[in-house]
Amino acid sequence: MRPVAPVPSADLPLVAIVGRPNVGKSTLFNRLVGRRQALVADTPGVTRDRKEGLALLRGRTIRLVDTAGLEEAAPSSLFGRMRASSESAVREAALVLFCIDARAGITPADEHFAAWVRKQGRPVMLVANKAEGRGGAASAMEAYSLGLGEPVAVSAEHGEGLSDLMGEIVEHLPPEPEAEFEEDDDVFEADADALDPDAEIVLPARPPGPIRIAIVGRPNAGKSTLLNALLGEERMITGPEPGLTRDSVAVTLHDEGDVFEVVDTAGLRRKARIDEALEKMSVSASIEALKMAEVAVLVLDATLGVHEQDLQIARLIEREGRACVLALNKWDAVEDRNATRQAILDRLSISLAQMRGVPVVTFSALTGASVHRLLPAVREACTVWNARVPTGELNRWFEAALERHAAPLVEGRRLKLRYMTQVKSRPPTFVIFG
């Protein structure tokens, strides 16, 4: 007997960490998921978009969400949009962790937003962070005045009190549904009749799991707007201000039976223009997301054409050996579409020959027009990236290529090339023997 299927992440209980800026929400998030997944700095407002991760607490897996700090602001402003995203997470949560700074004590902002959280009707746990030592635990008791129950004193930075917090979180969650089982006696049986001992063995195209995508590009190319269009909801903070996305944020998408893990990354600029430590951390997170991806979606603003920084990002994708899909955004604002498309492809072909033949998708992320064409292109690029070509088929192609184009001369003598073979996939890599 075996479980019918693992529990999809969307079916796991959602636990949202909320509170005013700089109370240590991202540090607590990193502690609970067990790795540095969210950017952390002393600067208030580092977290702008909701960031999700899976955490295993006392044998129970949960979806944990780090949110932007709650602040009073006009709805149309950047901080107002950040707050709206955090409030959305609260409304979706099975449990809310309301986080305060025990060292700073209770502030009017804590009182204001605690009252708002109480009105949402969601289960709430009060977490008094930065409660190091006996003094910190004592000051955490002030939090009783918020009316959210008994505070759990922790120090996310130093790892104090986390075991108790994990236990309390599990206690506050709804009961875990029982897994269904079915008889399956044939799971490990191979189809012996289907095996041909003389056939060339072709390794599996890719291991099981979601197709990992990194959305990369210069600032303000429309990466976050694209992810919102794919999700069908305003999940990422967007706006005219460049550099809104600071951290790499991963979400899961389901399309035609496939699962995609999509990471929205901070815009990549030239090193000479990166002068803040926080932005350097953002760029490092973007590059790390690219290294972990299978397919990089390079988003270009089609109204601006190809800039040198776009080429640098394309070279980075090629250097890391990732599959690539070229995404031409803001296509609805392009007047001469044929000329624009050809100019972009010519520039890439001349400056970066390795980009020839990559899938190209044109769309408008803002209106959603033609965005549905992106995931099929990603699927195609991933298939090619994982492909293994049988040696016989490969050498028939190689012989035909040599008939069309003779081998080069070296010191006046023509190279004698005998055969070629594929030595690896992901990306496909070939060796020619002479």
Protein backbone atom coordinates (compact mmCIF):
# COMPACT_ATOMS: atom_id res chain seq x y z
CA MET A 1 0.00 0.00 0.00
CA ARG A 2 1.11 3.57 -0.65
CA PRO A 3 -0.36 7.09 -0.49
CA VAL A 4 -2.36 7.97 -3.60
CA ALA A 5 -0.33 11.15 -4.09
CA PRO A 6 1.71 13.58 -2.00
CA VAL A 7 -0.24 16.50 -0.63
CA PRO A 8 0.06 19.40 -3.10
CA SER A 9 1.60 22.50 -1.53
CA ALA A 10 -1.60 24.43 -2.26
CA ASP A 11 -3.45 22.06 0.11
CA LEU A 12 -1.05 22.62 3.00
CA PRO A 13 -2.07 25.02 5.79
CA LEU A 14 -0.89 28.58 5.19
CA VAL A 15 0.80 30.39 8.10
CA ALA A 16 1.41 34.13 7.59
CA ILE A 17 4.00 36.15 9.52
CA VAL A 18 2.81 39.76 9.84
CA GLY A 19 3.69 42.87 11.82
CA ARG A 20 5.08 46.35 11.43
CA PRO A 21 8.43 46.85 9.63
CA ASN A 22 11.72 45.69 11.14
CA VAL A 23 10.38 43.45 13.90
CA GLY A 24 12.33 40.46 12.51
CA LYS A 25 9.69 38.73 10.37
CA SER A 26 12.14 37.67 7.64
CA THR A 27 14.68 36.39 10.19
CA LEU A 28 11.93 34.31 11.82
CA PHE A 29 10.82 33.06 8.38
CA ASN A 30 14.37 31.94 7.55
CA ARG A 31 14.67 30.15 10.90
CA LEU A 32 11.43 28.23 10.45
CA VAL A 33 12.08 27.15 6.84
CA GLY A 34 15.62 26.16 7.83
CA ARG A 35 17.60 28.27 5.35
CA ARG A 36 18.26 31.85 4.29
CA GLN A 37 15.44 32.23 1.83
CA ALA A 38 14.41 35.84 2.53
CA LEU A 39 16.71 38.88 2.43
CA VAL A 40 17.47 40.28 5.88
CA ALA A 41 18.87 43.75 6.67
CA ASP A 42 18.55 46.41 9.35
CA THR A 43 16.80 48.69 6.85
CA PRO A 44 13.01 48.80 7.35
CA GLY A 45 10.90 47.69 4.40
CA VAL A 46 13.35 45.16 2.90
CA THR A 47 10.51 42.70 2.26
CA ARG A 48 8.10 44.00 -0.37
CA ASP A 49 6.51 40.90 -1.90
CA ARG A 50 5.02 37.91 -0.14
CA LYS A 51 7.62 35.14 0.06
CA GLU A 52 6.55 31.53 0.56
CA GLY A 53 8.47 28.52 1.78
CA LEU A 54 7.74 25.05 3.14
CA ALA A 55 8.54 24.41 6.80
CA LEU A 56 8.51 21.06 8.61
CA LEU A 57 7.41 21.63 12.22
CA ARG A 58 7.10 18.63 14.54
CA GLY A 59 6.35 16.36 11.59
CA ARG A 60 3.76 18.74 10.09
CA THR A 61 4.51 20.47 6.79
CA ILE A 62 3.14 24.00 6.37
CA ARG A 63 3.30 26.81 3.83
CA LEU A 64 4.97 29.73 5.57
CA VAL A 65 4.57 33.27 4.20
CA ASP A 66 6.83 36.23 4.95
CA THR A 67 5.04 39.53 4.35
CA ALA A 68 5.89 43.21 3.96
CA GLY A 69 5.71 45.33 7.11
CA LEU A 70 2.30 46.81 7.86
CA GLU A 71 2.30 50.60 7.56
CA GLU A 72 -0.29 53.34 7.23
CA ALA A 73 -0.09 54.65 3.65
CA ALA A 74 -2.24 55.76 0.74
CA PRO A 75 -3.56 52.70 -1.17
CA SER A 76 -1.97 53.83 -4.45
CA SER A 77 1.49 54.40 -2.93
CA LEU A 78 4.23 51.76 -2.86
CA PHE A 79 3.75 51.13 0.87
CA GLY A 80 0.00 51.02 0.39
CA ARG A 81 0.39 48.32 -2.27
CA MET A 82 2.77 46.41 -0.01
CA ARG A 83 0.26 46.56 2.83
CA ALA A 84 -2.54 45.30 0.55
CA SER A 85 -0.41 42.27 -0.33
CA SER A 86 0.21 41.53 3.37
CA GLU A 87 -3.49 41.91 4.19
CA SER A 88 -4.33 39.44 1.43
CA ALA A 89 -2.00 36.89 3.04
CA VAL A 90 -3.80 37.34 6.38
CA ARG A 91 -7.18 36.67 4.82
CA GLU A 92 -5.89 33.45 3.20
CA ALA A 93 -4.06 32.15 6.28
CA ALA A 94 -5.05 29.22 8.47
CA LEU A 95 -2.94 30.85 11.21
CA VAL A 96 -1.47 34.34 11.60
CA LEU A 97 1.78 34.94 13.52
CA PHE A 98 1.60 38.57 14.68
CA CYS A 99 5.18 39.59 15.34
CA ILE A 100 6.36 42.42 17.62
CA ASP A 101 9.77 43.72 18.72
CA ALA A 102 10.05 42.97 22.46
CA ARG A 103 13.11 45.22 22.82
CA ALA A 104 11.25 48.23 21.42
CA GLY A 105 8.08 47.52 23.39
CA ILE A 106 4.51 48.00 22.21
CA THR A 107 4.12 50.88 19.75
CA PRO A 108 0.97 52.64 18.50
CA ALA A 109 1.49 50.87 15.15
CA ASP A 110 1.47 47.49 16.94
CA GLU A 111 -1.80 48.39 18.67
CA HIS A 112 -3.40 49.66 15.45
CA PHE A 113 -2.56 46.61 13.35
CA ALA A 114 -3.27 44.14 16.18
CA ALA A 115 -6.80 45.57 16.30
CA TRP A 116 -7.09 45.13 12.53
CA VAL A 117 -5.88 41.50 12.71
CA ARG A 118 -8.41 40.70 15.45
CA LYS A 119 -11.23 41.88 13.18
CA GLN A 120 -10.21 39.48 10.38
CA GLY A 121 -11.49 36.47 12.30
CA ARG A 122 -8.40 34.35 11.65
CA PRO A 123 -6.61 32.29 14.35
CA VAL A 124 -3.75 34.44 15.67
CA MET A 125 -0.60 33.72 17.67
CA LEU A 126 1.34 36.58 19.23
CA VAL A 127 5.13 36.27 18.76
CA ALA A 128 7.40 38.55 20.80
CA ASN A 129 10.66 38.55 18.83
CA LYS A 130 14.05 39.90 19.95
CA ALA A 131 13.31 38.64 23.48
CA GLU A 132 16.88 37.54 24.27
CA GLY A 133 17.60 36.43 27.82
CA ARG A 134 15.49 36.96 30.93
CA GLY A 135 15.07 40.67 30.38
CA GLY A 136 13.68 40.17 26.90
CA ALA A 137 11.24 37.51 28.03
CA ALA A 138 9.99 39.81 30.80
CA SER A 139 9.47 42.74 28.41
CA ALA A 140 7.56 40.41 26.09
CA MET A 141 4.82 40.23 28.71
CA GLU A 142 3.85 43.80 27.78
CA ALA A 143 2.36 42.31 24.64
CA TYR A 144 -0.61 40.97 26.64
CA SER A 145 -2.12 44.44 26.21
CA LEU A 146 -2.67 43.77 22.50
CA GLY A 147 -5.47 41.33 23.24
CA LEU A 148 -4.03 38.54 21.08
CA GLY A 149 -3.47 36.06 23.88
CA GLU A 150 -0.28 34.91 25.56
CA PRO A 151 2.87 35.95 23.68
CA VAL A 152 5.48 33.38 22.71
CA ALA A 153 8.90 34.89 23.45
CA VAL A 154 11.59 34.10 20.88
CA SER A 155 14.84 35.43 19.49
CA ALA A 156 14.89 34.53 15.80
CA GLU A 157 18.39 35.94 15.41
CA HIS A 158 19.84 33.75 18.18
CA GLY A 159 17.52 30.76 17.80
CA GLU A 160 16.01 31.05 21.28
CA GLY A 161 12.46 29.84 21.96
CA LEU A 162 11.95 28.39 18.48
CA SER A 163 11.19 24.86 19.68
CA ASP A 164 8.31 26.13 21.83
CA LEU A 165 7.08 28.29 18.95
CA MET A 166 7.03 25.34 16.54
CA GLY A 167 5.00 23.30 19.00
CA GLU A 168 2.52 26.14 19.52
CA ILE A 169 2.08 26.62 15.76
CA VAL A 170 1.23 22.94 15.26
CA GLU A 171 -1.21 23.06 18.20
CA HIS A 172 -3.05 26.03 16.65
CA LEU A 173 -3.43 24.46 13.18
CA PRO A 174 -6.55 22.57 12.09
CA PRO A 175 -6.24 18.75 12.25
CA GLU A 176 -4.19 17.19 9.48
CA PRO A 177 -6.31 15.20 6.97
CA GLU A 178 -5.62 11.48 6.94
CA ALA A 179 -3.79 10.17 3.87
CA GLU A 180 -5.76 7.84 1.63
CA PHE A 181 -4.16 4.56 0.64
CA GLU A 182 -4.73 2.18 -2.21
CA GLU A 183 -3.44 -1.25 -3.09
CA ASP A 184 -0.56 -1.11 -5.56
CA ASP A 185 1.37 -4.34 -5.92
CA ASP A 186 2.84 -3.49 -9.31
CA VAL A 187 4.63 -0.27 -8.49
CA PHE A 188 8.13 -1.68 -8.85
CA GLU A 189 7.48 -4.12 -11.70
CA ALA A 190 9.30 -3.42 -14.96
CA ASP A 191 7.85 -4.37 -18.33
CA ALA A 192 10.45 -6.97 -19.30
CA ASP A 193 8.85 -7.66 -22.69
CA ALA A 194 9.30 -4.04 -23.69
CA LEU A 195 13.10 -4.13 -23.21
CA ASP A 196 15.30 -4.67 -26.26
CA PRO A 197 18.85 -5.72 -25.24
CA ASP A 198 20.22 -4.50 -28.58
CA ALA A 199 18.63 -1.07 -28.39
CA GLU A 200 20.67 1.93 -27.38
CA ILE A 201 19.78 3.01 -23.84
CA VAL A 202 18.43 6.54 -23.64
CA LEU A 203 18.47 8.01 -20.13
CA PRO A 204 15.30 9.66 -18.76
CA ALA A 205 14.86 13.21 -20.01
CA ARG A 206 14.65 14.75 -16.55
CA PRO A 207 14.06 13.74 -12.93
CA PRO A 208 10.53 14.12 -11.55
CA GLY A 209 9.50 17.39 -10.01
CA PRO A 210 8.38 20.86 -11.06
CA ILE A 211 9.95 22.64 -14.01
CA ARG A 212 12.03 25.39 -12.40
CA ILE A 213 11.85 28.80 -14.07
CA ALA A 214 13.70 32.03 -13.28
CA ILE A 215 12.24 35.26 -14.68
CA VAL A 216 15.21 37.58 -15.26
CA GLY A 217 15.87 40.90 -16.93
CA ARG A 218 16.72 44.54 -16.40
CA PRO A 219 14.75 46.64 -13.89
CA ASN A 220 11.27 47.71 -15.05
CA ALA A 221 11.07 45.21 -17.91
CA GLY A 222 7.80 43.88 -16.47
CA LYS A 223 8.95 40.70 -14.71
CA SER A 224 6.62 40.99 -11.71
CA THR A 225 3.70 42.06 -13.91
CA LEU A 226 4.33 38.96 -16.01
CA LEU A 227 4.21 36.69 -12.96
CA ASN A 228 0.97 38.33 -11.81
CA ALA A 229 -0.51 37.70 -15.27
CA LEU A 230 0.52 34.03 -15.11
CA LEU A 231 -1.01 33.69 -11.64
CA GLY A 232 -4.16 35.61 -12.52
CA GLU A 233 -3.86 37.70 -9.35
CA GLU A 234 -1.96 40.73 -8.03
CA ARG A 235 0.55 38.67 -6.06
CA MET A 236 3.68 40.73 -6.74
CA ILE A 237 4.08 44.44 -6.02
CA THR A 238 4.20 46.30 -9.34
CA GLY A 239 4.34 49.92 -10.43
CA PRO A 240 6.27 52.49 -12.46
CA GLU A 241 9.08 52.67 -9.89
CA PRO A 242 12.14 50.68 -11.07
CA GLY A 243 13.66 48.14 -8.71
CA LEU A 244 10.48 47.29 -6.78
CA THR A 245 11.40 43.60 -6.48
CA ARG A 246 14.25 43.17 -4.00
CA ASP A 247 14.21 39.47 -3.22
CA SER A 248 13.70 36.39 -5.38
CA VAL A 249 10.15 35.14 -4.84
CA ALA A 250 9.06 31.61 -5.84
CA VAL A 251 5.49 30.58 -6.64
CA THR A 252 3.97 27.36 -7.99
CA LEU A 253 1.87 27.18 -11.17
CA HIS A 254 -0.12 24.28 -12.65
CA ASP A 255 -0.65 24.11 -16.41
CA GLU A 256 -1.86 21.20 -18.56
CA GLY A 257 -0.75 18.60 -16.03
CA ASP A 258 2.70 20.12 -15.47
CA VAL A 259 3.90 21.89 -12.33
CA PHE A 260 6.11 24.97 -12.68
CA GLU A 261 8.10 26.60 -9.89
CA VAL A 262 8.51 30.20 -11.06
CA VAL A 263 10.93 32.63 -9.41
CA ASP A 264 10.54 36.37 -9.89
CA THR A 265 13.93 38.03 -9.47
CA ALA A 266 15.21 41.52 -8.82
CA GLY A 267 16.26 43.47 -11.91
CA LEU A 268 19.91 43.02 -12.89
CA ARG A 269 21.89 46.22 -13.50
CA ARG A 270 25.50 46.92 -14.41
CA LYS A 271 27.85 46.50 -11.44
CA ALA A 272 28.97 50.13 -11.72
CA ARG A 273 25.41 51.25 -10.92
CA ILE A 274 24.97 49.01 -7.88
CA ASP A 275 26.01 51.05 -4.86
CA GLU A 276 23.83 49.80 -2.01
CA ALA A 277 24.60 46.70 0.05
CA LEU A 278 20.92 45.72 -0.07
CA GLU A 279 20.85 45.87 -3.88
CA LYS A 280 24.01 43.77 -4.03
CA MET A 281 22.23 41.16 -1.92
CA SER A 282 19.24 41.34 -4.29
CA VAL A 283 21.45 40.78 -7.34
CA SER A 284 23.18 37.85 -5.63
CA ALA A 285 19.77 36.29 -4.91
CA SER A 286 18.78 36.75 -8.57
CA ILE A 287 21.94 35.04 -9.82
CA GLU A 288 21.44 32.20 -7.33
CA ALA A 289 17.85 31.74 -8.57
CA LEU A 290 19.17 31.55 -12.14
CA LYS A 291 21.67 28.87 -11.16
CA MET A 292 18.90 26.77 -9.60
CA ALA A 293 16.57 27.12 -12.61
CA GLU A 294 16.18 24.86 -15.62
CA VAL A 295 14.72 27.56 -17.86
CA ALA A 296 15.49 31.28 -17.74
CA VAL A 297 12.80 33.58 -19.12
CA LEU A 298 14.68 36.69 -20.28
CA VAL A 299 12.17 39.55 -20.26
CA LEU A 300 12.87 42.50 -22.58
CA ASP A 301 10.94 45.74 -22.91
CA ALA A 302 10.13 45.47 -26.62
CA THR A 303 9.63 49.24 -26.87
CA LEU A 304 13.28 49.80 -25.91
CA GLY A 305 14.95 47.05 -27.93
CA VAL A 306 18.10 45.23 -26.81
CA HIS A 307 20.54 47.07 -24.52
CA GLU A 308 24.04 46.00 -23.55
CA GLN A 309 22.79 44.90 -20.11
CA ASP A 310 20.28 42.57 -21.80
CA LEU A 311 23.19 40.97 -23.65
CA GLN A 312 25.14 40.62 -20.40
CA ILE A 313 22.19 38.81 -18.81
CA ALA A 314 21.89 36.56 -21.89
CA ARG A 315 25.61 35.74 -21.60
CA LEU A 316 25.09 34.88 -17.93
CA ILE A 317 22.25 32.51 -18.88
CA GLU A 318 24.48 30.85 -21.50
CA ARG A 319 27.44 30.65 -19.12
CA GLU A 320 25.30 28.93 -16.47
CA GLY A 321 24.04 26.46 -19.08
CA ARG A 322 20.35 27.25 -18.60
CA ALA A 323 17.68 26.86 -21.28
CA CYS A 324 16.33 30.24 -22.39
CA VAL A 325 13.04 31.69 -23.59
CA LEU A 326 13.09 35.25 -24.93
CA ALA A 327 10.04 37.14 -23.65
CA LEU A 328 9.26 40.39 -25.50
CA ASN A 329 6.98 42.34 -23.16
CA LYS A 330 4.89 45.49 -23.84
CA TRP A 331 4.20 44.19 -27.36
CA ASP A 332 0.92 46.09 -27.44
CA ALA A 333 2.89 49.37 -27.44
CA VAL A 334 5.05 48.40 -30.45
CA GLU A 335 4.02 50.02 -33.74
CA ASP A 336 6.08 48.19 -36.39
CA ARG A 337 6.09 44.70 -34.90
CA ASN A 338 7.82 42.84 -37.73
CA ALA A 339 10.70 45.32 -37.85
CA THR A 340 11.03 45.40 -34.05
CA ARG A 341 11.09 41.62 -33.73
CA GLN A 342 13.68 41.27 -36.50
CA ALA A 343 15.87 44.03 -35.05
CA ILE A 344 15.90 42.33 -31.63
CA LEU A 345 16.70 38.90 -33.09
CA ASP A 346 19.42 40.34 -35.36
CA ARG A 347 21.08 42.12 -32.43
CA LEU A 348 21.09 38.93 -30.36
CA SER A 349 22.29 36.81 -33.30
CA ILE A 350 25.19 39.16 -34.05
CA SER A 351 26.24 39.78 -30.44
CA LEU A 352 25.49 36.34 -29.00
CA ALA A 353 25.39 33.52 -31.55
CA GLN A 354 24.48 30.99 -28.84
CA MET A 355 21.04 32.60 -28.57
CA ARG A 356 20.08 31.70 -32.13
CA GLY A 357 17.02 29.49 -32.27
CA VAL A 358 15.73 30.16 -28.74
CA PRO A 359 11.93 30.30 -28.43
CA VAL A 360 10.56 33.86 -28.69
CA VAL A 361 7.22 34.89 -27.16
CA THR A 362 5.60 38.30 -27.61
CA PHE A 363 2.92 39.49 -25.19
CA SER A 364 1.63 42.27 -22.96
CA ALA A 365 1.98 41.38 -19.28
CA LEU A 366 -0.10 44.41 -18.29
CA THR A 367 -3.17 43.42 -20.33
CA GLY A 368 -2.48 39.68 -20.27
CA ALA A 369 -2.62 39.46 -24.08
CA SER A 370 -0.78 36.33 -25.35
CA VAL A 371 0.77 35.57 -21.94
CA HIS A 372 -0.71 32.06 -22.26
CA ARG A 373 1.92 31.33 -24.94
CA LEU A 374 4.80 31.54 -22.47
CA LEU A 375 4.48 28.25 -20.57
CA PRO A 376 4.25 26.10 -23.75
CA ALA A 377 7.48 27.79 -24.92
CA VAL A 378 9.09 27.06 -21.54
CA ARG A 379 7.96 23.44 -21.81
CA GLU A 380 9.54 23.19 -25.28
CA ALA A 381 12.82 24.75 -24.13
CA CYS A 382 12.99 22.42 -21.12
CA THR A 383 12.43 19.37 -23.35
CA VAL A 384 15.29 20.40 -25.65
CA TRP A 385 17.53 21.19 -22.66
CA ASN A 386 17.00 17.68 -21.27
CA ALA A 387 17.20 15.88 -24.64
CA ARG A 388 19.53 12.98 -25.40
CA VAL A 389 20.18 12.16 -29.06
CA PRO A 390 20.99 8.51 -29.96
CA THR A 391 24.58 8.18 -31.21
CA GLY A 392 23.53 6.63 -34.52
CA GLU A 393 21.12 9.43 -35.32
CA LEU A 394 23.67 12.01 -34.22
CA ASN A 395 26.40 10.64 -36.51
CA ARG A 396 24.11 10.45 -39.52
CA TRP A 397 23.52 14.16 -39.04
CA PHE A 398 27.26 14.72 -38.50
CA GLU A 399 28.21 12.94 -41.74
CA ALA A 400 25.69 15.00 -43.70
CA ALA A 401 27.07 18.17 -42.12
CA LEU A 402 30.65 17.22 -43.16
CA GLU A 403 29.49 16.69 -46.73
CA ARG A 404 28.06 20.21 -46.80
CA HIS A 405 30.96 21.84 -44.95
CA ALA A 406 34.44 20.31 -45.03
CA ALA A 407 36.46 20.12 -41.82
CA PRO A 408 38.82 23.08 -41.24
CA LEU A 409 42.50 23.15 -42.16
CA VAL A 410 45.11 23.14 -39.41
CA GLU A 411 48.69 23.97 -40.48
CA GLY A 412 47.74 23.18 -44.06
CA ARG A 413 46.25 19.79 -43.28
CA ARG A 414 42.54 19.06 -43.13
CA LEU A 415 41.28 17.69 -39.83
CA LYS A 416 39.98 14.15 -40.01
CA LEU A 417 36.84 14.07 -37.88
CA ARG A 418 35.59 10.55 -37.23
CA TYR A 419 32.43 10.68 -35.10
CA MET A 420 30.62 12.56 -32.35
CA THR A 421 28.66 11.59 -29.26
CA GLN A 422 26.59 13.29 -26.59
CA VAL A 423 28.33 13.20 -23.21
CA LYS A 424 25.64 14.88 -21.11
CA SER A 425 22.31 16.66 -21.14
CA ARG A 426 21.08 19.64 -19.10
CA PRO A 427 22.32 21.28 -21.33
CA PRO A 428 23.03 18.87 -24.23
CA THR A 429 26.81 18.65 -24.62
CA PHE A 430 28.63 16.90 -27.47
CA VAL A 431 32.20 15.73 -28.12
CA ILE A 432 33.73 15.22 -31.60
CA PHE A 433 36.50 12.66 -32.00
CA GLY A 434 39.16 12.86 -34.71
